[in-house]
Amino acid sequence: MNHAWKLIKSVNSSSADSNEAQPKLILQSIELYAGFPASVRMETCGQFAAQLCQAAMEAHASKELTAHIRRAWYTLHALNPRRVSASTVGVWRSPLEQTKPKLAAQDIWLDPLSILRMDVRVFESADLADILLTVLAESLIQSRTALRRIFALRHREGGVLQKTHVSAMIQLQEASAVQLLIEAVACARNARVRWLVFEFIHARFLEQRTIQKLVHFQAYDVTAIDDMVAHVPSMHACSEFIPELLVQSAPGLQLFAVRLAAAVVAKYPIASNEGLAKEVILPHIQTTLVQIAGSATTDQLAVGNSMFEAIVVVSTAFVLIRNECAQLAKAVKAAAVDRAKITTQQQKECCARWAMCCDSVLAAVEAETAAARAKFVPIEDINTDAAVAALEALLKSDKKSGSGRNGSPKPDTKSGSGRNGSPKHAESSTLPPASAQQQSPSFYSAPMQSQFGAAAGNQKRPHSTMAGERGPRPPPGKRDDGPTLPGLSRSNGAIPGLRNLQPPPGSVTPNGGTLPSPHTDGQTGGPSAMPGTGG
């Protein structure tokens, strides 16, 4: 044991030696430590790992040394993971965190985000970054397990903490860790370090899709969007919640959502993303730009620039909807020009810059090749004098041509046109005279007209063309009773077997007579048969 402590102290003292002697001494210490008994190594693995990590921090530029320390660290970590991880986090804390009390293993899994409050030199070496991400992943799993165990104990005692609360807290904690890593990787210059961080984020997104949604609804720096889409394969799943993210009202979230949508559809130009761009992204961009066209506020200018860039990106990724992108740019320009007619001179200059920006976007959309596509110029960087001159020329041309709003021709009111420019119909030019018009046959005969008050006149169609052809009508004044049914006499109108259905006494028969009063049949007690029915 004493030899082990002396070896650990020798590693600490070797960090002050020259750069040439330091790697050799550390490698000799690692070889000697590997020969100690397992019980000794189990007892001292935490202290030895701390000394190795401290030496690696001092020599983070040496790839050979950090690679040897990384292999030795994983050997120590296999002996006692919690002790080695806690020692590593304690050594790599930032100078500000070093002034605070030392962290124990329990403090780390209660607050895994404390791991990321470390020295920035860790992200300058791929080997050290690999060790840090291993400790972070381990601590997140321990925190998740511990919080669920605490909930199970509190739930038995009737606590107010619910299962959904615990799940939300775990997800927010892991989403915050991912966001801190995104901010940290932006400062990393080592390509290997960046790849390791993006692989860690990709694993978290695959493990829980909810974390991916939380990270993007909380948003991060828009400059990191392109790197995230390029190096994290699971970013294609963002297309599932992009429509929900686009409707956020905060200008910062709108800017973030448009940038993210453009990057995702450009990276993955598939059929589903084409429909997303055509049915969701472009209509949202048009609605927003038409509302803020001509604005001079910083937030709205940033949103406008990002949306104009998104139009160019979408038109480049999907050639089939290039016409929709061009029409969108024209609509925004028309809105800016209309707003310039009713604003002050200062606002008119802003509208002129917006209109010229729309022209540049339209030219980029209609460009056939990438070489012919000009670089996008932000709204605030457009030359004001040139933009105002172009706007004045456009307004003068509109006045001379007499065009209406958005360049639509005005209706000709002097030529006797009707509403919406449609020509009025002359009263006697199209209809023939009344004498030349063919009179359709009257539906009613003269006696029926006098009886029911129906006036004769032109009908829409003759009776013979109506559904259910009935043949020629009978002469006026004569009734057509139709065919005679079997067993029914036209003379009396009675049906055998239906004696109870008799017309009232005194009714006029079809032959012109009257019915006699019924008499009682003494045998049956019912009315007797009418005359002529045969009993």
Protein backbone atom coordinates (compact mmCIF):
# COMPACT_ATOMS: atom_id res chain seq x y z
CA MET A 1 0.00 0.00 0.00
CA ASN A 2 2.83 2.39 0.84
CA HIS A 3 4.42 1.71 -2.53
CA ALA A 4 1.10 2.61 -4.18
CA TRP A 5 0.87 5.95 -2.38
CA LYS A 6 4.44 6.77 -3.28
CA LEU A 7 3.67 5.96 -6.90
CA ILE A 8 0.64 8.22 -6.87
CA LYS A 9 2.72 11.07 -5.43
CA SER A 10 5.36 10.47 -8.10
CA VAL A 11 2.74 10.98 -10.79
CA ASN A 12 1.80 14.28 -9.21
CA SER A 13 5.42 15.42 -9.02
CA SER A 14 6.14 14.34 -12.60
CA SER A 15 3.74 16.98 -13.91
CA ALA A 16 6.28 19.63 -12.93
CA ASP A 17 9.07 18.01 -14.92
CA SER A 18 10.00 18.82 -18.47
CA ASN A 19 7.68 17.87 -21.28
CA GLU A 20 10.13 15.26 -22.54
CA ALA A 21 10.46 13.40 -19.20
CA GLN A 22 6.83 13.65 -18.14
CA PRO A 23 5.32 11.07 -20.55
CA LYS A 24 7.94 8.48 -19.67
CA LEU A 25 7.40 8.87 -15.93
CA ILE A 26 3.63 8.66 -16.25
CA LEU A 27 3.83 5.55 -18.44
CA GLN A 28 6.18 3.90 -15.94
CA SER A 29 3.77 4.72 -13.13
CA ILE A 30 0.87 3.16 -15.04
CA GLU A 31 2.86 -0.04 -15.63
CA LEU A 32 3.91 -0.29 -11.99
CA TYR A 33 0.37 0.35 -10.75
CA ALA A 34 -0.99 -2.45 -12.93
CA GLY A 35 1.22 -4.91 -11.03
CA PHE A 36 -0.30 -4.13 -7.61
CA PRO A 37 -2.79 -6.56 -6.05
CA ALA A 38 -6.48 -6.06 -6.89
CA SER A 39 -7.37 -5.12 -3.31
CA VAL A 40 -4.79 -2.31 -3.33
CA ARG A 41 -5.95 -1.06 -6.69
CA MET A 42 -9.59 -1.13 -5.55
CA GLU A 43 -8.67 1.03 -2.57
CA THR A 44 -6.53 3.56 -4.38
CA CYS A 45 -8.09 3.69 -7.86
CA GLY A 46 -9.86 6.99 -7.16
CA GLN A 47 -6.71 8.83 -6.08
CA PHE A 48 -4.65 7.38 -8.92
CA ALA A 49 -7.31 8.35 -11.49
CA ALA A 50 -7.35 11.91 -10.12
CA GLN A 51 -3.59 12.21 -10.50
CA LEU A 52 -3.73 10.84 -14.04
CA CYS A 53 -6.51 13.24 -15.02
CA GLN A 54 -4.59 16.16 -13.54
CA ALA A 55 -1.51 15.18 -15.54
CA ALA A 56 -3.63 14.77 -18.68
CA MET A 57 -5.07 18.25 -18.18
CA GLU A 58 -1.59 19.74 -18.00
CA ALA A 59 -0.48 17.85 -21.13
CA HIS A 60 -3.72 17.94 -23.10
CA ALA A 61 -1.84 18.85 -26.29
CA SER A 62 0.10 15.56 -26.27
CA LYS A 63 -2.04 13.01 -28.12
CA GLU A 64 0.22 10.10 -27.22
CA LEU A 65 0.13 10.82 -23.50
CA THR A 66 -3.61 11.46 -23.36
CA ALA A 67 -4.23 8.21 -25.26
CA HIS A 68 -2.25 6.22 -22.64
CA ILE A 69 -4.04 7.99 -19.79
CA ARG A 70 -7.39 7.27 -21.38
CA ARG A 71 -6.68 3.54 -21.54
CA ALA A 72 -5.46 3.53 -17.94
CA TRP A 73 -8.51 5.50 -16.82
CA TYR A 74 -10.92 2.94 -18.31
CA THR A 75 -9.02 0.20 -16.47
CA LEU A 76 -9.45 2.06 -13.19
CA HIS A 77 -13.07 2.85 -13.98
CA ALA A 78 -13.83 -0.85 -14.33
CA LEU A 79 -12.61 -1.41 -10.74
CA ASN A 80 -14.80 1.21 -9.04
CA PRO A 81 -16.88 3.38 -11.42
CA ARG A 82 -18.41 5.75 -8.87
CA ARG A 83 -15.18 6.56 -7.05
CA VAL A 84 -13.20 7.06 -10.26
CA SER A 85 -15.92 9.25 -11.82
CA ALA A 86 -16.20 11.43 -8.73
CA SER A 87 -12.41 11.92 -8.62
CA THR A 88 -12.33 12.82 -12.30
CA VAL A 89 -15.10 15.42 -11.97
CA GLY A 90 -13.41 16.93 -8.92
CA VAL A 91 -10.12 17.41 -10.77
CA TRP A 92 -11.62 18.84 -13.94
CA ARG A 93 -13.83 21.44 -12.28
CA SER A 94 -13.47 25.03 -13.47
CA PRO A 95 -11.45 27.51 -11.35
CA LEU A 96 -14.66 29.03 -10.04
CA GLU A 97 -16.06 25.63 -9.05
CA GLN A 98 -12.79 24.70 -7.33
CA THR A 99 -13.59 27.25 -4.62
CA LYS A 100 -16.74 25.34 -3.68
CA PRO A 101 -16.88 22.22 -1.48
CA LYS A 102 -15.66 18.95 -2.93
CA LEU A 103 -18.25 16.89 -4.75
CA ALA A 104 -19.12 13.38 -3.64
CA ALA A 105 -20.62 10.63 -5.80
CA GLN A 106 -24.08 11.38 -4.41
CA ASP A 107 -23.79 15.07 -5.28
CA ILE A 108 -22.99 14.18 -8.87
CA TRP A 109 -25.97 11.93 -9.53
CA LEU A 110 -28.26 14.39 -7.76
CA ASP A 111 -27.03 17.14 -10.13
CA PRO A 112 -25.45 15.61 -13.27
CA LEU A 113 -25.18 19.06 -14.87
CA SER A 114 -22.35 19.86 -12.45
CA ILE A 115 -20.12 17.65 -14.62
CA LEU A 116 -20.33 20.18 -17.45
CA ARG A 117 -19.07 23.00 -15.23
CA MET A 118 -15.52 21.92 -15.98
CA ASP A 119 -12.31 23.38 -17.36
CA VAL A 120 -12.58 24.30 -21.05
CA ARG A 121 -9.30 22.54 -21.79
CA VAL A 122 -11.13 19.23 -21.61
CA PHE A 123 -12.71 19.91 -25.01
CA GLU A 124 -9.31 20.53 -26.57
CA SER A 125 -8.41 16.83 -26.44
CA ALA A 126 -10.52 14.03 -27.91
CA ASP A 127 -9.33 11.53 -25.28
CA LEU A 128 -10.31 13.78 -22.39
CA ALA A 129 -13.66 14.60 -24.01
CA ASP A 130 -14.34 10.88 -24.37
CA ILE A 131 -13.73 10.37 -20.64
CA LEU A 132 -15.98 13.30 -19.75
CA LEU A 133 -18.87 12.05 -21.93
CA THR A 134 -18.56 8.59 -20.38
CA VAL A 135 -18.88 10.08 -16.89
CA LEU A 136 -21.85 12.21 -18.02
CA ALA A 137 -23.74 9.30 -19.54
CA GLU A 138 -23.13 7.20 -16.44
CA SER A 139 -24.29 9.98 -14.12
CA LEU A 140 -27.48 10.59 -16.11
CA ILE A 141 -28.40 6.91 -15.81
CA GLN A 142 -27.66 6.91 -12.08
CA SER A 143 -29.72 10.06 -11.57
CA ARG A 144 -32.64 8.61 -13.51
CA THR A 145 -32.60 5.40 -11.46
CA ALA A 146 -32.22 7.20 -8.14
CA LEU A 147 -35.04 9.65 -8.80
CA ARG A 148 -37.42 6.85 -9.72
CA ARG A 149 -36.45 4.92 -6.60
CA ILE A 150 -37.06 7.99 -4.43
CA PHE A 151 -40.46 8.45 -6.09
CA ALA A 152 -41.40 4.84 -5.38
CA LEU A 153 -40.57 5.31 -1.69
CA ARG A 154 -42.39 8.62 -1.38
CA HIS A 155 -45.39 7.31 -3.28
CA ARG A 156 -45.87 4.53 -0.75
CA GLU A 157 -45.96 7.10 2.03
CA GLY A 158 -48.66 9.11 0.24
CA GLY A 159 -46.52 11.93 -1.11
CA VAL A 160 -47.82 14.56 -3.53
CA LEU A 161 -45.16 13.76 -6.12
CA GLN A 162 -46.68 12.10 -9.18
CA LYS A 163 -45.09 9.83 -11.75
CA THR A 164 -45.52 12.43 -14.48
CA HIS A 165 -43.61 14.94 -12.36
CA VAL A 166 -40.65 12.61 -12.05
CA SER A 167 -40.64 11.82 -15.78
CA ALA A 168 -40.79 15.51 -16.67
CA MET A 169 -37.95 16.33 -14.30
CA ILE A 170 -35.74 13.58 -15.75
CA GLN A 171 -36.45 14.64 -19.32
CA LEU A 172 -35.78 18.32 -18.60
CA GLN A 173 -32.52 17.41 -16.86
CA GLU A 174 -31.27 15.37 -19.82
CA ALA A 175 -32.46 18.00 -22.31
CA SER A 176 -30.51 20.65 -20.40
CA ALA A 177 -27.39 18.48 -20.56
CA VAL A 178 -27.75 18.22 -24.34
CA GLN A 179 -28.16 21.97 -24.66
CA LEU A 180 -25.03 22.62 -22.60
CA LEU A 181 -23.11 20.22 -24.83
CA ILE A 182 -24.34 22.05 -27.95
CA GLU A 183 -23.07 25.32 -26.53
CA ALA A 184 -19.75 23.76 -25.53
CA VAL A 185 -19.10 22.07 -28.86
CA ALA A 186 -19.42 25.43 -30.62
CA CYS A 187 -16.15 26.45 -28.98
CA ALA A 188 -14.34 23.20 -29.79
CA ARG A 189 -11.84 23.37 -32.63
CA ASN A 190 -10.94 19.69 -32.62
CA ALA A 191 -12.92 17.77 -35.23
CA ARG A 192 -12.67 14.54 -33.25
CA VAL A 193 -14.10 16.24 -30.17
CA ARG A 194 -17.03 17.60 -32.16
CA TRP A 195 -17.73 14.16 -33.61
CA LEU A 196 -17.78 12.60 -30.11
CA VAL A 197 -20.21 15.22 -28.80
CA PHE A 198 -22.56 14.84 -31.76
CA GLU A 199 -22.50 11.05 -31.34
CA PHE A 200 -23.47 11.48 -27.69
CA ILE A 201 -26.37 13.78 -28.65
CA HIS A 202 -27.50 11.34 -31.34
CA ALA A 203 -27.62 8.53 -28.77
CA ARG A 204 -29.74 10.63 -26.42
CA PHE A 205 -32.18 11.51 -29.22
CA LEU A 206 -32.55 7.87 -30.20
CA GLU A 207 -33.07 6.85 -26.59
CA GLN A 208 -35.93 9.32 -26.01
CA ARG A 209 -37.62 11.28 -28.79
CA THR A 210 -39.17 13.56 -26.19
CA ILE A 211 -35.71 14.91 -25.32
CA GLN A 212 -35.17 15.90 -28.94
CA LYS A 213 -38.44 17.82 -28.97
CA LEU A 214 -37.70 19.53 -25.66
CA VAL A 215 -34.24 20.61 -26.80
CA HIS A 216 -35.59 22.25 -29.94
CA PHE A 217 -38.58 23.89 -28.27
CA GLN A 218 -36.21 25.43 -25.73
CA ALA A 219 -34.04 26.39 -28.73
CA TYR A 220 -30.29 26.97 -28.89
CA ASP A 221 -27.92 29.16 -30.88
CA VAL A 222 -29.07 29.34 -34.51
CA THR A 223 -25.47 29.14 -35.69
CA ALA A 224 -25.30 25.55 -34.38
CA ILE A 225 -28.28 24.36 -36.45
CA ASP A 226 -26.26 23.56 -39.57
CA ASP A 227 -23.72 21.51 -37.59
CA MET A 228 -26.46 19.64 -35.76
CA VAL A 229 -28.27 18.73 -38.97
CA ALA A 230 -25.03 17.76 -40.71
CA HIS A 231 -23.55 15.57 -37.95
CA VAL A 232 -26.55 14.22 -35.98
CA PRO A 233 -28.40 11.65 -38.13
CA SER A 234 -31.50 11.62 -35.94
CA MET A 235 -32.21 15.28 -36.76
CA HIS A 236 -34.42 14.10 -39.63
CA ALA A 237 -37.09 13.40 -37.00
CA CYS A 238 -37.45 17.17 -36.41
CA SER A 239 -39.79 17.30 -39.41
CA GLU A 240 -42.45 15.70 -37.18
CA PHE A 241 -42.73 18.75 -34.89
CA ILE A 242 -41.62 21.55 -37.23
CA PRO A 243 -45.26 22.58 -37.98
CA GLU A 244 -45.87 22.95 -34.25
CA LEU A 245 -42.62 24.84 -33.79
CA LEU A 246 -43.40 27.29 -36.60
CA VAL A 247 -46.53 28.65 -34.92
CA GLN A 248 -44.66 29.91 -31.86
CA SER A 249 -45.28 33.62 -31.32
CA ALA A 250 -41.88 34.65 -29.92
CA PRO A 251 -39.64 36.20 -32.63
CA GLY A 252 -36.63 34.22 -31.40
CA LEU A 253 -38.47 30.93 -31.73
CA GLN A 254 -39.80 31.92 -35.17
CA LEU A 255 -36.26 32.64 -36.33
CA PHE A 256 -35.03 29.35 -34.89
CA ALA A 257 -37.93 27.37 -36.39
CA VAL A 258 -37.46 28.75 -39.90
CA ARG A 259 -33.71 28.12 -39.85
CA LEU A 260 -34.25 24.57 -38.59
CA ALA A 261 -36.96 23.83 -41.16
CA ALA A 262 -34.81 25.07 -44.03
CA ALA A 263 -31.79 23.06 -42.88
CA VAL A 264 -33.79 19.83 -42.43
CA VAL A 265 -35.57 19.94 -45.81
CA ALA A 266 -32.30 20.83 -47.56
CA LYS A 267 -30.46 17.92 -45.90
CA TYR A 268 -33.26 15.41 -46.52
CA PRO A 269 -35.03 16.34 -49.82
CA ILE A 270 -37.56 13.49 -49.69
CA ALA A 271 -41.21 13.46 -50.74
CA SER A 272 -42.58 13.97 -47.23
CA ASN A 273 -40.37 17.01 -46.69
CA GLU A 274 -41.44 18.41 -50.06
CA GLY A 275 -45.06 18.24 -48.94
CA LEU A 276 -44.04 19.84 -45.63
CA ALA A 277 -42.34 22.70 -47.46
CA LYS A 278 -45.23 23.27 -49.86
CA GLU A 279 -48.13 22.96 -47.41
CA VAL A 280 -46.65 24.26 -44.15
CA ILE A 281 -43.35 26.13 -44.45
CA LEU A 282 -44.05 28.33 -47.49
CA PRO A 283 -47.61 29.35 -46.42
CA HIS A 284 -46.31 30.25 -42.97
CA ILE A 285 -43.46 32.28 -44.47
CA GLN A 286 -45.83 34.14 -46.78
CA THR A 287 -48.27 34.96 -43.99
CA THR A 288 -45.51 36.26 -41.74
CA LEU A 289 -43.62 38.24 -44.37
CA VAL A 290 -46.76 39.95 -45.71
CA GLN A 291 -47.54 41.11 -42.17
CA ILE A 292 -44.06 42.44 -41.36
CA ALA A 293 -43.07 43.69 -44.83
CA GLY A 294 -41.54 47.17 -44.51
CA SER A 295 -40.72 46.81 -40.81
CA ALA A 296 -37.48 48.28 -39.44
CA THR A 297 -37.32 46.58 -36.01
CA THR A 298 -34.30 44.39 -35.32
CA ASP A 299 -36.27 41.25 -34.43
CA GLN A 300 -38.51 41.41 -37.48
CA LEU A 301 -35.57 42.14 -39.78
CA ALA A 302 -33.82 39.03 -38.46
CA VAL A 303 -36.97 36.96 -39.00
CA GLY A 304 -37.40 38.39 -42.49
CA ASN A 305 -33.81 37.62 -43.48
CA SER A 306 -34.06 34.05 -42.23
CA MET A 307 -37.34 33.54 -44.10
CA PHE A 308 -35.94 34.95 -47.35
CA GLU A 309 -32.97 32.60 -47.05
CA ALA A 310 -35.37 29.72 -46.39
CA ILE A 311 -37.24 30.51 -49.62
CA VAL A 312 -34.02 30.21 -51.62
CA VAL A 313 -33.05 26.98 -49.82
CA VAL A 314 -36.46 25.38 -50.43
CA SER A 315 -36.47 26.36 -54.11
CA THR A 316 -33.00 24.84 -54.50
CA ALA A 317 -33.93 21.59 -52.75
CA PHE A 318 -37.29 21.09 -54.53
CA VAL A 319 -37.40 22.20 -58.14
CA LEU A 320 -41.08 21.28 -58.53
CA ILE A 321 -42.21 24.00 -56.11
CA ARG A 322 -39.92 26.70 -57.47
CA ASN A 323 -42.92 28.47 -58.99
CA GLU A 324 -44.58 28.70 -55.56
CA CYS A 325 -41.41 30.25 -54.15
CA ALA A 326 -41.35 32.85 -56.93
CA GLN A 327 -45.00 33.73 -56.38
CA LEU A 328 -44.30 34.11 -52.66
CA ALA A 329 -41.52 36.62 -53.31
CA LYS A 330 -43.78 38.60 -55.65
CA ALA A 331 -46.58 38.69 -53.08
CA VAL A 332 -44.25 40.01 -50.38
CA LYS A 333 -42.93 42.67 -52.75
CA ALA A 334 -46.48 43.76 -53.61
CA ALA A 335 -47.25 44.09 -49.89
CA ALA A 336 -44.15 46.23 -49.35
CA VAL A 337 -44.99 48.47 -52.33
CA ASP A 338 -48.58 48.95 -51.16
CA ARG A 339 -47.37 49.85 -47.69
CA ALA A 340 -44.92 52.39 -49.12
CA LYS A 341 -47.81 54.38 -50.62
CA ILE A 342 -49.34 55.23 -47.24
CA THR A 343 -46.29 55.64 -44.96
CA THR A 344 -43.80 58.34 -44.10
CA GLN A 345 -40.53 58.92 -45.92
CA GLN A 346 -38.48 56.96 -43.37
CA GLN A 347 -40.82 54.00 -43.51
CA LYS A 348 -40.87 54.31 -47.27
CA GLU A 349 -37.12 53.70 -47.33
CA CYS A 350 -37.59 50.51 -45.29
CA CYS A 351 -40.29 49.34 -47.69
CA ALA A 352 -37.96 50.06 -50.61
CA ARG A 353 -35.24 47.87 -49.09
CA TRP A 354 -37.77 45.08 -48.56
CA ALA A 355 -38.93 45.33 -52.17
CA MET A 356 -35.37 45.17 -53.50
CA CYS A 357 -34.64 42.20 -51.26
CA CYS A 358 -37.65 40.45 -52.78
CA ASP A 359 -36.20 41.11 -56.23
CA SER A 360 -32.89 39.52 -55.24
CA VAL A 361 -34.70 36.51 -53.78
CA LEU A 362 -36.76 36.17 -56.94
CA ALA A 363 -33.61 36.25 -59.06
CA ALA A 364 -32.01 33.57 -56.87
CA VAL A 365 -35.10 31.38 -57.11
CA GLU A 366 -35.26 31.63 -60.88
CA ALA A 367 -31.51 30.97 -61.33
CA GLU A 368 -30.90 27.71 -63.17
CA THR A 369 -27.53 26.84 -61.62
CA ALA A 370 -25.78 27.45 -58.32
CA ALA A 371 -23.10 29.53 -60.07
CA ALA A 372 -25.73 31.88 -61.46
CA ARG A 373 -27.37 32.31 -58.05
CA ALA A 374 -26.24 35.51 -56.38
CA LYS A 375 -25.39 35.60 -52.69
CA PHE A 376 -28.24 36.69 -50.44
CA VAL A 377 -27.95 40.24 -49.14
CA PRO A 378 -29.72 41.01 -45.82
CA ILE A 379 -32.41 43.69 -45.81
CA GLU A 380 -30.46 46.12 -43.66
CA ASP A 381 -27.39 45.89 -45.94
CA ILE A 382 -29.23 46.93 -49.12
CA ASN A 383 -28.34 50.31 -50.61
CA THR A 384 -31.11 52.67 -49.58
CA ASP A 385 -30.69 55.16 -52.45
CA ALA A 386 -30.86 52.48 -55.12
CA ALA A 387 -33.84 50.83 -53.42
CA VAL A 388 -35.77 54.13 -53.18
CA ALA A 389 -35.02 54.98 -56.81
CA ALA A 390 -36.30 51.59 -57.95
CA LEU A 391 -39.43 52.00 -55.83
CA GLU A 392 -40.15 55.50 -57.21
CA ALA A 393 -39.80 54.21 -60.77
CA LEU A 394 -42.18 51.37 -60.00
CA LEU A 395 -44.78 53.70 -58.48
CA LYS A 396 -44.58 56.08 -61.46
CA SER A 397 -45.04 53.25 -63.93
CA ASP A 398 -48.09 52.08 -61.98
CA LYS A 399 -49.65 55.57 -62.15
CA LYS A 400 -49.02 55.92 -65.88
CA SER A 401 -50.43 52.53 -66.74
CA GLY A 402 -53.47 53.11 -64.55
CA SER A 403 -53.08 49.79 -62.94
CA GLY A 404 -54.90 48.87 -59.81
CA ARG A 405 -53.62 47.16 -56.74
CA ASN A 406 -50.83 44.62 -57.21
CA GLY A 407 -50.60 45.53 -60.90
CA SER A 408 -54.08 44.29 -61.82
CA PRO A 409 -55.80 46.31 -64.61
CA LYS A 410 -58.57 48.66 -63.59
CA PRO A 411 -62.05 47.98 -64.98
CA ASP A 412 -63.17 50.16 -67.88
CA THR A 413 -66.03 52.24 -66.48
CA LYS A 414 -66.47 54.45 -69.53
CA SER A 415 -67.50 51.68 -71.89
CA GLY A 416 -70.66 50.92 -70.00
CA SER A 417 -69.17 47.94 -68.21
CA GLY A 418 -70.88 46.47 -65.22
CA ARG A 419 -69.48 45.35 -61.93
CA ASN A 420 -65.94 43.86 -61.98
CA GLY A 421 -65.49 45.14 -65.53
CA SER A 422 -68.04 42.80 -67.08
CA PRO A 423 -69.96 44.32 -70.04
CA LYS A 424 -73.56 45.32 -69.48
CA HIS A 425 -76.22 43.50 -71.53
CA ALA A 426 -78.23 45.59 -73.94
CA GLU A 427 -81.92 45.32 -73.38
CA SER A 428 -82.85 44.62 -77.02
CA SER A 429 -79.65 43.17 -78.48
CA THR A 430 -79.78 39.54 -77.46
CA LEU A 431 -83.43 38.62 -76.91
CA PRO A 432 -85.75 38.19 -79.93
CA PRO A 433 -89.00 40.15 -80.06
CA ALA A 434 -91.97 38.83 -78.13
CA SER A 435 -93.83 37.93 -81.36
CA ALA A 436 -90.93 35.76 -82.54
CA GLN A 437 -90.59 33.84 -79.31
CA GLN A 438 -92.17 30.39 -79.35
CA GLN A 439 -95.02 30.07 -76.89
CA SER A 440 -94.86 26.86 -74.88
CA PRO A 441 -98.14 25.00 -74.39
CA SER A 442 -100.22 25.90 -71.38
CA PHE A 443 -100.10 23.40 -68.55
CA TYR A 444 -103.71 24.02 -67.58
CA SER A 445 -106.75 24.09 -69.81
CA ALA A 446 -109.01 27.13 -69.85
CA PRO A 447 -111.69 25.78 -67.45
CA MET A 448 -109.03 24.70 -64.98
CA GLN A 449 -107.38 28.10 -65.16
CA SER A 450 -110.64 29.78 -64.31
CA GLN A 451 -111.24 27.28 -61.47
CA PHE A 452 -107.79 27.32 -59.82
CA GLY A 453 -106.63 30.78 -60.80
CA ALA A 454 -103.62 29.58 -62.80
CA ALA A 455 -102.64 32.10 -65.44
CA ALA A 456 -101.50 30.83 -68.80
CA GLY A 457 -97.94 31.68 -69.77
CA ASN A 458 -94.57 30.36 -70.87
CA GLN A 459 -93.58 27.27 -68.93
CA LYS A 460 -90.01 26.14 -68.35
CA ARG A 461 -90.68 22.86 -70.14
CA PRO A 462 -93.73 21.22 -71.68
CA HIS A 463 -95.69 18.69 -69.72
CA SER A 464 -94.75 15.89 -72.07
CA THR A 465 -91.05 16.17 -71.07
CA MET A 466 -91.66 15.83 -67.33
CA ALA A 467 -90.75 12.63 -65.49
CA GLY A 468 -93.43 9.96 -65.78
CA GLU A 469 -94.88 10.31 -69.30
CA ARG A 470 -98.67 10.32 -69.03
CA GLY A 471 -99.71 10.67 -72.65
CA PRO A 472 -102.18 13.20 -74.07
CA ARG A 473 -104.42 15.07 -71.67
CA PRO A 474 -108.22 14.66 -71.90
CA PRO A 475 -110.35 17.40 -73.42
CA PRO A 476 -111.46 20.20 -71.12
CA GLY A 477 -114.47 19.35 -68.99
CA LYS A 478 -114.11 15.56 -69.27
CA ARG A 479 -112.56 13.52 -66.48
CA ASP A 480 -110.26 10.60 -67.11
CA ASP A 481 -110.78 7.97 -64.45
CA GLY A 482 -108.01 5.70 -65.68
CA PRO A 483 -108.28 1.94 -66.28
CA THR A 484 -110.91 -0.12 -64.53
CA LEU A 485 -109.57 -2.30 -61.74
CA PRO A 486 -110.68 -5.98 -61.56
CA GLY A 487 -113.82 -6.38 -59.51
CA LEU A 488 -114.58 -2.65 -59.52
CA SER A 489 -117.62 -1.26 -61.25
CA ARG A 490 -117.44 2.28 -62.58
CA SER A 491 -121.19 2.60 -62.04
CA ASN A 492 -121.12 2.31 -58.28
CA GLY A 493 -117.41 2.59 -57.29
CA ALA A 494 -117.62 -0.23 -54.70
CA ILE A 495 -115.06 -2.96 -54.07
CA PRO A 496 -116.26 -6.40 -52.90
CA GLY A 497 -115.16 -7.29 -49.41
CA LEU A 498 -114.84 -3.67 -48.28
CA ARG A 499 -118.38 -2.96 -47.17
CA ASN A 500 -117.46 -0.88 -44.18
CA LEU A 501 -115.82 1.73 -46.41
CA GLN A 502 -118.99 3.34 -47.78
CA PRO A 503 -119.39 6.91 -48.94
CA PRO A 504 -121.69 9.05 -46.79
CA PRO A 505 -125.41 9.13 -47.56
CA GLY A 506 -126.47 11.60 -50.19
CA SER A 507 -123.13 11.48 -52.02
CA VAL A 508 -123.22 11.91 -55.78
CA THR A 509 -122.27 8.82 -57.73
CA PRO A 510 -120.15 8.91 -60.89
CA ASN A 511 -123.36 8.25 -62.90
CA GLY A 512 -125.00 11.39 -61.53
CA GLY A 513 -127.38 9.76 -58.98
CA THR A 514 -127.43 9.88 -55.19
CA LEU A 515 -126.83 7.14 -52.70
CA PRO A 516 -129.79 5.92 -50.62
CA SER A 517 -129.72 5.88 -46.84
CA PRO A 518 -128.25 2.65 -45.39
CA HIS A 519 -130.60 0.15 -43.64
CA THR A 520 -129.72 -2.32 -40.98
CA ASP A 521 -129.38 -5.98 -41.78
CA GLY A 522 -131.27 -7.91 -39.13
CA GLN A 523 -129.00 -10.98 -39.30
CA THR A 524 -125.55 -9.44 -39.14
CA GLY A 525 -126.34 -6.16 -37.42
CA GLY A 526 -124.25 -4.24 -40.01
CA PRO A 527 -125.19 -2.04 -42.93
CA SER A 528 -126.59 -3.75 -45.95
CA ALA A 529 -124.88 -3.79 -49.29
CA MET A 530 -125.31 -0.91 -51.61
CA PRO A 531 -127.50 -1.37 -54.63
CA GLY A 532 -125.76 -2.85 -57.54
CA THR A 533 -123.02 -4.62 -55.57
CA GLY A 534 -124.56 -8.00 -55.65
CA GLY A 535 -125.30 -8.48 -51.95
